Each structure stands twice: as structure tokens, then as C-alpha cells.
Amino acid sequence: MRKRIIATDQQETAAPDHGWLNVEELAEVEISSEDEAHPIESALLPSGSSGWRAAMPGKQTIRLLFIHPQQLRRIRLNFLENRTERTQEYVLRWSADGGKSFREIVRQQWNFSLQGATSETEDYQVELPAVTVLELSIIPDISGGNSTASLAQLRIA
């Protein structure tokens, strides 16, 4: 009899960081702004704890410029907001030609509410060959409010 043991949901939960790429070694990062107390490393590196926050209100962009093209299969985003009720929109895009052209992965809006919806986590299964640029654009408040963009965590595999 042939048999094999398959992973269960419990095993997947026990090792959530398995397979994440080391962004520090594989890419340069461009950001439109950053709060000194919440640098981008805090959202990209496993040792980060405070996440990234923009230095000013309005649309913000985070770009990962890969030194060598990367094949991506999974992208996880986590946003936290416990200070302001707002509707955020973000767009995740990728490029295979160094940023000359982009393809949209997802465009999504999320309502943060202080009464319970203070966290948004999205885990995308993708098949992206030869990614040279991964770009995340965030509009922190689509109503034009004075909110600053933030990102608790960005992981790629």
C-alpha cells in the first residue's frame, strides 16, 4: 500500500513563516515617505514589530526592486488601524520589465472601524514569473481625510 501524510490546517498554522523570501537580501526598497519611529524594515523583516507608517497623509507607495527577477507564489499583507475610522484603498501591482509596465494583482478597499474591524490581513496565492518590481500603493482615506498610511506586515514567498 502506498501512502503519504498530508499537511493539516494545524500544521500550517504552526509554521506560518515557512518559505518567506528574505527581502533584505533580494531587493532594494523605494518608499514615498516614512515615519522615523516606524521604518519600512519594521513591516518587511521578520524581526520588525511596529510596522511601517508614512510621515505624511495622502497616497503612499512602497516598491520592492528585485536585484534578480523573482518567481512569486504568495503575498501576505497585514494592515492595522486602531486610531481612526476610515476607508482605505490599496493597489498591488507587479512588473517584469523593471517598472516600464505594470500588471495589477488586486485593488481593494477596506473599512477600518474602531468597534472591531481594526485589522485586515490578505493572503494572495499568485503565479508571477520573473518579477522585477512589486509595488503597493495605499490611499489611507478615500474620503480625503488626514489619515496616514500604515502597513503592519508584507511577506512574499
N, C-alpha and C. Protein backbone atom coordinates (compact mmCIF):
# COMPACT_ATOMS: atom_id res chain seq x y z
N MET A 1 0.84 -1.17 0.00
CA MET A 1 0.00 0.00 0.00
C MET A 1 0.89 1.24 0.00
N ARG A 2 0.60 2.17 -0.88
CA ARG A 2 1.31 3.45 -0.90
C ARG A 2 0.52 4.45 -0.08
N LYS A 3 1.24 5.25 0.67
CA LYS A 3 0.55 6.29 1.44
C LYS A 3 1.49 7.45 1.67
N ARG A 4 0.90 8.57 1.99
CA ARG A 4 1.68 9.76 2.35
C ARG A 4 0.86 10.58 3.33
N ILE A 5 1.55 11.26 4.18
CA ILE A 5 0.90 12.11 5.17
C ILE A 5 0.78 13.51 4.58
N ILE A 6 -0.42 14.06 4.65
CA ILE A 6 -0.64 15.41 4.12
C ILE A 6 -0.70 16.40 5.26
N ALA A 7 -0.37 17.64 4.96
CA ALA A 7 -0.39 18.69 5.97
C ALA A 7 -1.83 19.03 6.34
N THR A 8 -2.04 19.27 7.61
CA THR A 8 -3.35 19.71 8.07
C THR A 8 -3.32 21.19 8.34
N ASP A 9 -4.47 21.78 8.55
CA ASP A 9 -4.54 23.22 8.87
C ASP A 9 -3.74 23.54 10.12
N GLN A 10 -3.72 22.65 11.09
CA GLN A 10 -2.99 22.89 12.33
C GLN A 10 -1.49 22.96 12.06
N GLN A 11 -0.99 22.10 11.20
CA GLN A 11 0.44 22.15 10.89
C GLN A 11 0.79 23.42 10.15
N GLU A 12 -0.07 23.87 9.24
CA GLU A 12 0.19 25.11 8.51
C GLU A 12 0.23 26.29 9.47
N THR A 13 -0.65 26.33 10.43
CA THR A 13 -0.67 27.41 11.41
C THR A 13 0.57 27.40 12.28
N ALA A 14 1.10 26.23 12.57
CA ALA A 14 2.25 26.13 13.45
C ALA A 14 3.52 26.70 12.83
N ALA A 15 3.60 26.76 11.50
CA ALA A 15 4.81 27.26 10.84
C ALA A 15 4.45 28.32 9.80
N PRO A 16 3.88 29.46 10.20
CA PRO A 16 3.40 30.44 9.23
C PRO A 16 4.51 31.16 8.47
N ASP A 17 5.73 31.18 8.96
CA ASP A 17 6.79 31.92 8.29
C ASP A 17 7.60 31.06 7.33
N HIS A 18 7.23 29.81 7.17
CA HIS A 18 7.97 28.90 6.30
C HIS A 18 7.90 29.38 4.84
N GLY A 19 9.07 29.57 4.25
CA GLY A 19 9.14 29.89 2.84
C GLY A 19 9.14 31.36 2.48
N TRP A 20 9.08 32.26 3.45
CA TRP A 20 9.10 33.69 3.13
C TRP A 20 10.47 34.07 2.59
N LEU A 21 10.49 34.91 1.56
CA LEU A 21 11.75 35.36 0.98
C LEU A 21 12.41 36.41 1.87
N ASN A 22 13.72 36.43 1.83
CA ASN A 22 14.50 37.40 2.59
C ASN A 22 14.62 38.68 1.75
N VAL A 23 13.69 39.59 1.94
CA VAL A 23 13.62 40.82 1.15
C VAL A 23 14.87 41.65 1.33
N GLU A 24 15.46 41.63 2.51
CA GLU A 24 16.65 42.42 2.80
C GLU A 24 17.80 42.07 1.85
N GLU A 25 17.91 40.80 1.47
CA GLU A 25 18.99 40.36 0.58
C GLU A 25 18.60 40.41 -0.89
N LEU A 26 17.30 40.36 -1.20
CA LEU A 26 16.86 40.21 -2.58
C LEU A 26 16.41 41.49 -3.27
N ALA A 27 16.17 42.56 -2.51
CA ALA A 27 15.58 43.74 -3.12
C ALA A 27 16.04 45.04 -2.47
N GLU A 28 15.92 46.10 -3.25
CA GLU A 28 16.01 47.46 -2.73
C GLU A 28 14.58 47.93 -2.52
N VAL A 29 14.39 48.88 -1.62
CA VAL A 29 13.05 49.37 -1.32
C VAL A 29 12.98 50.86 -1.61
N GLU A 30 11.94 51.27 -2.31
CA GLU A 30 11.63 52.68 -2.50
C GLU A 30 10.33 52.97 -1.77
N ILE A 31 10.29 54.08 -1.05
CA ILE A 31 9.08 54.48 -0.34
C ILE A 31 8.86 55.97 -0.55
N SER A 32 7.60 56.37 -0.56
CA SER A 32 7.30 57.78 -0.77
C SER A 32 7.53 58.60 0.49
N SER A 33 7.39 58.01 1.66
CA SER A 33 7.73 58.67 2.92
C SER A 33 7.77 57.64 4.03
N GLU A 34 8.32 58.04 5.17
CA GLU A 34 8.36 57.11 6.30
C GLU A 34 8.52 57.88 7.61
N ASP A 35 7.74 57.48 8.58
CA ASP A 35 7.85 58.00 9.95
C ASP A 35 9.10 57.37 10.56
N GLU A 36 9.98 58.19 11.12
CA GLU A 36 11.23 57.67 11.69
C GLU A 36 11.01 56.61 12.75
N ALA A 37 9.91 56.69 13.48
CA ALA A 37 9.62 55.72 14.53
C ALA A 37 9.05 54.41 13.97
N HIS A 38 8.65 54.42 12.69
CA HIS A 38 8.05 53.23 12.05
C HIS A 38 8.64 53.04 10.66
N PRO A 39 9.92 52.65 10.58
CA PRO A 39 10.58 52.48 9.27
C PRO A 39 10.05 51.27 8.51
N ILE A 40 10.28 51.27 7.22
CA ILE A 40 9.77 50.20 6.35
C ILE A 40 10.30 48.82 6.76
N GLU A 41 11.51 48.77 7.32
CA GLU A 41 12.07 47.49 7.77
C GLU A 41 11.15 46.79 8.78
N SER A 42 10.43 47.58 9.55
CA SER A 42 9.54 47.01 10.56
C SER A 42 8.37 46.25 9.96
N ALA A 43 8.05 46.50 8.70
CA ALA A 43 6.98 45.77 8.02
C ALA A 43 7.52 44.65 7.14
N LEU A 44 8.76 44.77 6.68
CA LEU A 44 9.30 43.80 5.73
C LEU A 44 10.12 42.68 6.35
N LEU A 45 10.73 42.94 7.49
CA LEU A 45 11.62 41.95 8.09
C LEU A 45 10.94 41.21 9.23
N PRO A 46 11.23 39.92 9.39
CA PRO A 46 10.60 39.15 10.47
C PRO A 46 10.84 39.71 11.86
N SER A 47 11.96 40.42 12.05
CA SER A 47 12.26 40.97 13.36
C SER A 47 11.49 42.26 13.66
N GLY A 48 10.82 42.81 12.64
CA GLY A 48 10.07 44.05 12.83
C GLY A 48 8.84 43.84 13.69
N SER A 49 8.53 44.85 14.49
CA SER A 49 7.37 44.70 15.38
C SER A 49 6.39 45.86 15.29
N SER A 50 6.86 47.04 14.89
CA SER A 50 5.98 48.21 14.90
C SER A 50 5.33 48.49 13.57
N GLY A 51 5.79 47.85 12.49
CA GLY A 51 5.24 48.10 11.18
C GLY A 51 5.69 49.45 10.64
N TRP A 52 5.31 49.72 9.38
CA TRP A 52 5.68 50.96 8.71
C TRP A 52 4.53 51.96 8.81
N ARG A 53 4.88 53.21 8.88
CA ARG A 53 3.88 54.29 8.85
C ARG A 53 4.46 55.44 8.03
N ALA A 54 3.62 56.04 7.21
CA ALA A 54 4.04 57.18 6.40
C ALA A 54 4.30 58.39 7.29
N ALA A 55 5.11 59.30 6.79
CA ALA A 55 5.42 60.52 7.53
C ALA A 55 4.37 61.60 7.32
N MET A 56 3.55 61.44 6.28
CA MET A 56 2.56 62.46 5.95
C MET A 56 1.28 61.81 5.43
N PRO A 57 0.16 62.52 5.50
CA PRO A 57 -1.09 61.98 4.97
C PRO A 57 -1.04 61.88 3.44
N GLY A 58 -2.01 61.17 2.90
CA GLY A 58 -2.14 61.07 1.44
C GLY A 58 -1.61 59.76 0.90
N LYS A 59 -1.74 59.62 -0.42
CA LYS A 59 -1.33 58.41 -1.11
C LYS A 59 0.16 58.13 -0.89
N GLN A 60 0.47 56.86 -0.65
CA GLN A 60 1.85 56.43 -0.42
C GLN A 60 2.16 55.23 -1.29
N THR A 61 3.44 55.07 -1.62
CA THR A 61 3.87 53.96 -2.46
C THR A 61 5.07 53.27 -1.83
N ILE A 62 5.03 51.94 -1.86
CA ILE A 62 6.15 51.10 -1.44
C ILE A 62 6.51 50.23 -2.63
N ARG A 63 7.77 50.27 -3.05
CA ARG A 63 8.23 49.45 -4.18
C ARG A 63 9.38 48.56 -3.75
N LEU A 64 9.27 47.30 -4.09
CA LEU A 64 10.39 46.36 -3.93
C LEU A 64 11.01 46.18 -5.31
N LEU A 65 12.27 46.56 -5.44
CA LEU A 65 13.01 46.45 -6.70
C LEU A 65 13.96 45.27 -6.56
N PHE A 66 13.62 44.17 -7.18
CA PHE A 66 14.41 42.95 -7.01
C PHE A 66 15.71 43.03 -7.79
N ILE A 67 16.80 42.61 -7.15
CA ILE A 67 18.12 42.62 -7.77
C ILE A 67 18.13 41.64 -8.93
N HIS A 68 17.52 40.48 -8.75
CA HIS A 68 17.34 39.48 -9.80
C HIS A 68 15.85 39.15 -9.86
N PRO A 69 15.29 38.89 -11.03
CA PRO A 69 13.86 38.56 -11.12
C PRO A 69 13.49 37.40 -10.19
N GLN A 70 12.33 37.53 -9.57
CA GLN A 70 11.86 36.53 -8.61
C GLN A 70 10.54 35.92 -9.07
N GLN A 71 10.38 34.64 -8.83
CA GLN A 71 9.09 34.00 -9.05
C GLN A 71 8.33 34.06 -7.73
N LEU A 72 7.17 34.69 -7.74
CA LEU A 72 6.38 34.83 -6.52
C LEU A 72 5.14 33.95 -6.59
N ARG A 73 4.86 33.28 -5.47
CA ARG A 73 3.69 32.41 -5.37
C ARG A 73 2.72 32.84 -4.28
N ARG A 74 3.17 33.70 -3.39
CA ARG A 74 2.32 34.09 -2.26
C ARG A 74 2.70 35.49 -1.79
N ILE A 75 1.69 36.30 -1.51
CA ILE A 75 1.90 37.64 -0.98
C ILE A 75 0.93 37.83 0.18
N ARG A 76 1.46 38.19 1.33
CA ARG A 76 0.62 38.43 2.50
C ARG A 76 0.77 39.88 2.95
N LEU A 77 -0.37 40.54 3.09
CA LEU A 77 -0.42 41.92 3.57
C LEU A 77 -1.20 41.95 4.87
N ASN A 78 -0.73 42.75 5.81
CA ASN A 78 -1.46 42.94 7.06
C ASN A 78 -1.46 44.42 7.39
N PHE A 79 -2.66 44.96 7.57
CA PHE A 79 -2.83 46.37 7.93
C PHE A 79 -3.51 46.43 9.29
N LEU A 80 -3.05 47.33 10.14
CA LEU A 80 -3.66 47.56 11.45
C LEU A 80 -4.01 49.04 11.57
N GLU A 81 -5.17 49.32 12.11
CA GLU A 81 -5.57 50.71 12.36
C GLU A 81 -6.47 50.75 13.57
N ASN A 82 -5.97 51.29 14.66
CA ASN A 82 -6.77 51.38 15.88
C ASN A 82 -6.89 52.83 16.36
N ARG A 83 -6.59 53.79 15.46
CA ARG A 83 -6.68 55.20 15.84
C ARG A 83 -7.81 55.96 15.15
N THR A 84 -8.12 55.58 13.89
CA THR A 84 -9.07 56.36 13.09
C THR A 84 -9.97 55.45 12.27
N GLU A 85 -11.25 55.78 12.24
CA GLU A 85 -12.16 55.08 11.33
C GLU A 85 -11.96 55.68 9.95
N ARG A 86 -11.78 54.80 8.96
CA ARG A 86 -11.52 55.28 7.61
C ARG A 86 -11.72 54.16 6.61
N THR A 87 -11.85 54.52 5.35
CA THR A 87 -11.89 53.54 4.26
C THR A 87 -10.61 53.70 3.47
N GLN A 88 -9.84 52.64 3.46
CA GLN A 88 -8.54 52.63 2.78
C GLN A 88 -8.69 51.89 1.45
N GLU A 89 -7.92 52.31 0.47
CA GLU A 89 -7.83 51.56 -0.79
C GLU A 89 -6.36 51.28 -1.05
N TYR A 90 -6.09 50.06 -1.51
CA TYR A 90 -4.72 49.77 -1.92
C TYR A 90 -4.73 49.05 -3.25
N VAL A 91 -3.62 49.19 -3.96
CA VAL A 91 -3.42 48.52 -5.24
C VAL A 91 -2.07 47.82 -5.16
N LEU A 92 -2.06 46.55 -5.50
CA LEU A 92 -0.84 45.75 -5.54
C LEU A 92 -0.59 45.43 -7.02
N ARG A 93 0.61 45.80 -7.52
CA ARG A 93 0.95 45.60 -8.92
C ARG A 93 2.34 44.98 -9.04
N TRP A 94 2.62 44.40 -10.21
CA TRP A 94 3.95 43.85 -10.44
C TRP A 94 4.42 44.16 -11.85
N SER A 95 5.73 44.11 -12.01
CA SER A 95 6.35 44.38 -13.30
C SER A 95 7.41 43.33 -13.57
N ALA A 96 7.52 42.94 -14.83
CA ALA A 96 8.57 42.02 -15.25
C ALA A 96 9.66 42.74 -16.05
N ASP A 97 9.47 44.05 -16.28
CA ASP A 97 10.41 44.79 -17.12
C ASP A 97 11.02 46.00 -16.40
N GLY A 98 11.26 45.86 -15.11
CA GLY A 98 11.91 46.91 -14.36
C GLY A 98 11.05 48.14 -14.09
N GLY A 99 9.74 48.00 -14.21
CA GLY A 99 8.84 49.11 -13.91
C GLY A 99 8.38 49.89 -15.11
N LYS A 100 8.70 49.45 -16.32
CA LYS A 100 8.23 50.14 -17.52
C LYS A 100 6.73 49.91 -17.73
N SER A 101 6.27 48.73 -17.37
CA SER A 101 4.84 48.41 -17.44
C SER A 101 4.47 47.58 -16.21
N PHE A 102 3.22 47.72 -15.78
CA PHE A 102 2.75 47.01 -14.59
C PHE A 102 1.47 46.24 -14.89
N ARG A 103 1.28 45.16 -14.13
CA ARG A 103 0.04 44.39 -14.16
C ARG A 103 -0.54 44.39 -12.76
N GLU A 104 -1.82 44.69 -12.69
CA GLU A 104 -2.48 44.77 -11.38
C GLU A 104 -2.78 43.37 -10.86
N ILE A 105 -2.46 43.14 -9.60
CA ILE A 105 -2.78 41.89 -8.92
C ILE A 105 -4.13 42.03 -8.24
N VAL A 106 -4.29 43.12 -7.49
CA VAL A 106 -5.54 43.35 -6.76
C VAL A 106 -5.68 44.84 -6.46
N ARG A 107 -6.94 45.28 -6.43
CA ARG A 107 -7.31 46.62 -5.97
C ARG A 107 -8.43 46.38 -4.98
N GLN A 108 -8.27 46.89 -3.77
CA GLN A 108 -9.24 46.56 -2.73
C GLN A 108 -9.44 47.73 -1.78
N GLN A 109 -10.67 47.84 -1.28
CA GLN A 109 -10.98 48.81 -0.24
C GLN A 109 -11.33 48.07 1.03
N TRP A 110 -11.05 48.73 2.15
CA TRP A 110 -11.32 48.14 3.46
C TRP A 110 -11.77 49.24 4.40
N ASN A 111 -12.82 48.97 5.17
CA ASN A 111 -13.32 49.92 6.16
C ASN A 111 -12.76 49.56 7.53
N PHE A 112 -11.95 50.44 8.08
CA PHE A 112 -11.47 50.27 9.44
C PHE A 112 -12.49 50.89 10.39
N SER A 113 -12.83 50.15 11.43
CA SER A 113 -13.81 50.60 12.41
C SER A 113 -13.24 50.36 13.80
N LEU A 114 -13.30 51.36 14.64
CA LEU A 114 -12.76 51.22 15.99
C LEU A 114 -13.58 50.27 16.85
N GLN A 115 -14.79 49.92 16.39
CA GLN A 115 -15.64 48.98 17.13
C GLN A 115 -15.34 47.52 16.78
N GLY A 116 -14.30 47.25 16.02
CA GLY A 116 -14.00 45.85 15.78
C GLY A 116 -13.14 45.55 14.57
N ALA A 117 -13.32 46.24 13.47
CA ALA A 117 -12.54 45.95 12.26
C ALA A 117 -11.28 46.82 12.24
N THR A 118 -10.33 46.47 13.08
CA THR A 118 -9.10 47.25 13.18
C THR A 118 -7.93 46.58 12.47
N SER A 119 -8.17 45.40 11.90
CA SER A 119 -7.10 44.66 11.25
C SER A 119 -7.61 44.06 9.93
N GLU A 120 -6.77 44.12 8.91
CA GLU A 120 -7.06 43.49 7.64
C GLU A 120 -5.85 42.66 7.24
N THR A 121 -6.04 41.38 7.01
CA THR A 121 -4.98 40.51 6.53
C THR A 121 -5.45 39.86 5.25
N GLU A 122 -4.64 39.97 4.21
CA GLU A 122 -4.93 39.35 2.92
C GLU A 122 -3.77 38.46 2.56
N ASP A 123 -4.08 37.26 2.10
CA ASP A 123 -3.06 36.27 1.74
C ASP A 123 -3.37 35.82 0.31
N TYR A 124 -2.59 36.29 -0.64
CA TYR A 124 -2.84 36.02 -2.05
C TYR A 124 -1.94 34.90 -2.56
N GLN A 125 -2.56 33.91 -3.19
CA GLN A 125 -1.83 32.86 -3.88
C GLN A 125 -1.70 33.33 -5.33
N VAL A 126 -0.48 33.48 -5.81
CA VAL A 126 -0.24 34.02 -7.14
C VAL A 126 0.74 33.13 -7.90
N GLU A 127 0.80 33.32 -9.19
CA GLU A 127 1.81 32.68 -10.05
C GLU A 127 2.43 33.78 -10.88
N LEU A 128 3.45 34.41 -10.35
CA LEU A 128 4.08 35.55 -11.01
C LEU A 128 5.53 35.20 -11.36
N PRO A 129 5.81 34.97 -12.63
CA PRO A 129 7.18 34.64 -13.03
C PRO A 129 8.01 35.89 -13.24
N ALA A 130 9.26 35.84 -12.89
CA ALA A 130 10.24 36.88 -13.21
C ALA A 130 9.82 38.28 -12.79
N VAL A 131 9.42 38.45 -11.53
CA VAL A 131 9.02 39.76 -11.01
C VAL A 131 10.28 40.59 -10.76
N THR A 132 10.31 41.79 -11.34
CA THR A 132 11.43 42.70 -11.10
C THR A 132 11.02 43.82 -10.14
N VAL A 133 9.73 44.18 -10.12
CA VAL A 133 9.22 45.21 -9.23
C VAL A 133 7.88 44.77 -8.68
N LEU A 134 7.71 44.89 -7.37
CA LEU A 134 6.42 44.68 -6.72
C LEU A 134 6.07 46.02 -6.07
N GLU A 135 4.89 46.54 -6.39
CA GLU A 135 4.51 47.87 -5.91
C GLU A 135 3.19 47.83 -5.17
N LEU A 136 3.18 48.47 -4.01
CA LEU A 136 1.97 48.62 -3.20
C LEU A 136 1.69 50.11 -3.07
N SER A 137 0.52 50.55 -3.57
CA SER A 137 0.08 51.94 -3.41
C SER A 137 -1.09 51.95 -2.45
N ILE A 138 -1.04 52.87 -1.49
CA ILE A 138 -2.07 52.94 -0.46
C ILE A 138 -2.66 54.34 -0.42
N ILE A 139 -3.98 54.41 -0.54
CA ILE A 139 -4.70 55.65 -0.27
C ILE A 139 -5.34 55.42 1.10
N PRO A 140 -4.81 56.06 2.14
CA PRO A 140 -5.24 55.73 3.50
C PRO A 140 -6.69 56.11 3.81
N ASP A 141 -7.21 57.12 3.13
CA ASP A 141 -8.61 57.53 3.39
C ASP A 141 -9.18 58.04 2.08
N ILE A 142 -10.05 57.24 1.45
CA ILE A 142 -10.56 57.62 0.13
C ILE A 142 -11.47 58.85 0.19
N SER A 143 -11.91 59.25 1.39
CA SER A 143 -12.73 60.45 1.51
C SER A 143 -11.87 61.71 1.57
N GLY A 144 -10.55 61.53 1.51
CA GLY A 144 -9.65 62.67 1.52
C GLY A 144 -9.27 63.16 2.90
N GLY A 145 -9.54 62.37 3.91
CA GLY A 145 -9.20 62.75 5.28
C GLY A 145 -7.71 62.89 5.50
N ASN A 146 -7.34 63.19 6.71
CA ASN A 146 -5.96 63.49 7.08
C ASN A 146 -5.22 62.27 7.64
N SER A 147 -5.62 61.07 7.26
CA SER A 147 -5.01 59.85 7.78
C SER A 147 -3.68 59.56 7.10
N THR A 148 -2.81 58.88 7.84
CA THR A 148 -1.54 58.45 7.26
C THR A 148 -1.60 56.95 6.99
N ALA A 149 -0.98 56.55 5.91
CA ALA A 149 -0.94 55.14 5.53
C ALA A 149 -0.04 54.37 6.49
N SER A 150 -0.37 53.11 6.68
CA SER A 150 0.46 52.25 7.50
C SER A 150 0.38 50.81 6.97
N LEU A 151 1.36 50.03 7.30
CA LEU A 151 1.43 48.63 6.88
C LEU A 151 2.11 47.86 8.01
N ALA A 152 1.39 46.93 8.60
CA ALA A 152 1.95 46.16 9.71
C ALA A 152 2.95 45.12 9.18
N GLN A 153 2.61 44.50 8.02
CA GLN A 153 3.46 43.42 7.55
C GLN A 153 3.25 43.18 6.06
N LEU A 154 4.35 42.93 5.35
CA LEU A 154 4.33 42.49 3.96
C LEU A 154 5.31 41.33 3.87
N ARG A 155 4.82 40.17 3.47
CA ARG A 155 5.66 38.98 3.29
C ARG A 155 5.41 38.42 1.90
N ILE A 156 6.47 37.90 1.29
CA ILE A 156 6.36 37.29 -0.03
C ILE A 156 7.07 35.94 -0.04
N ALA A 157 6.55 35.05 -0.83
CA ALA A 157 7.17 33.72 -0.98
C ALA A 157 7.11 33.32 -2.44
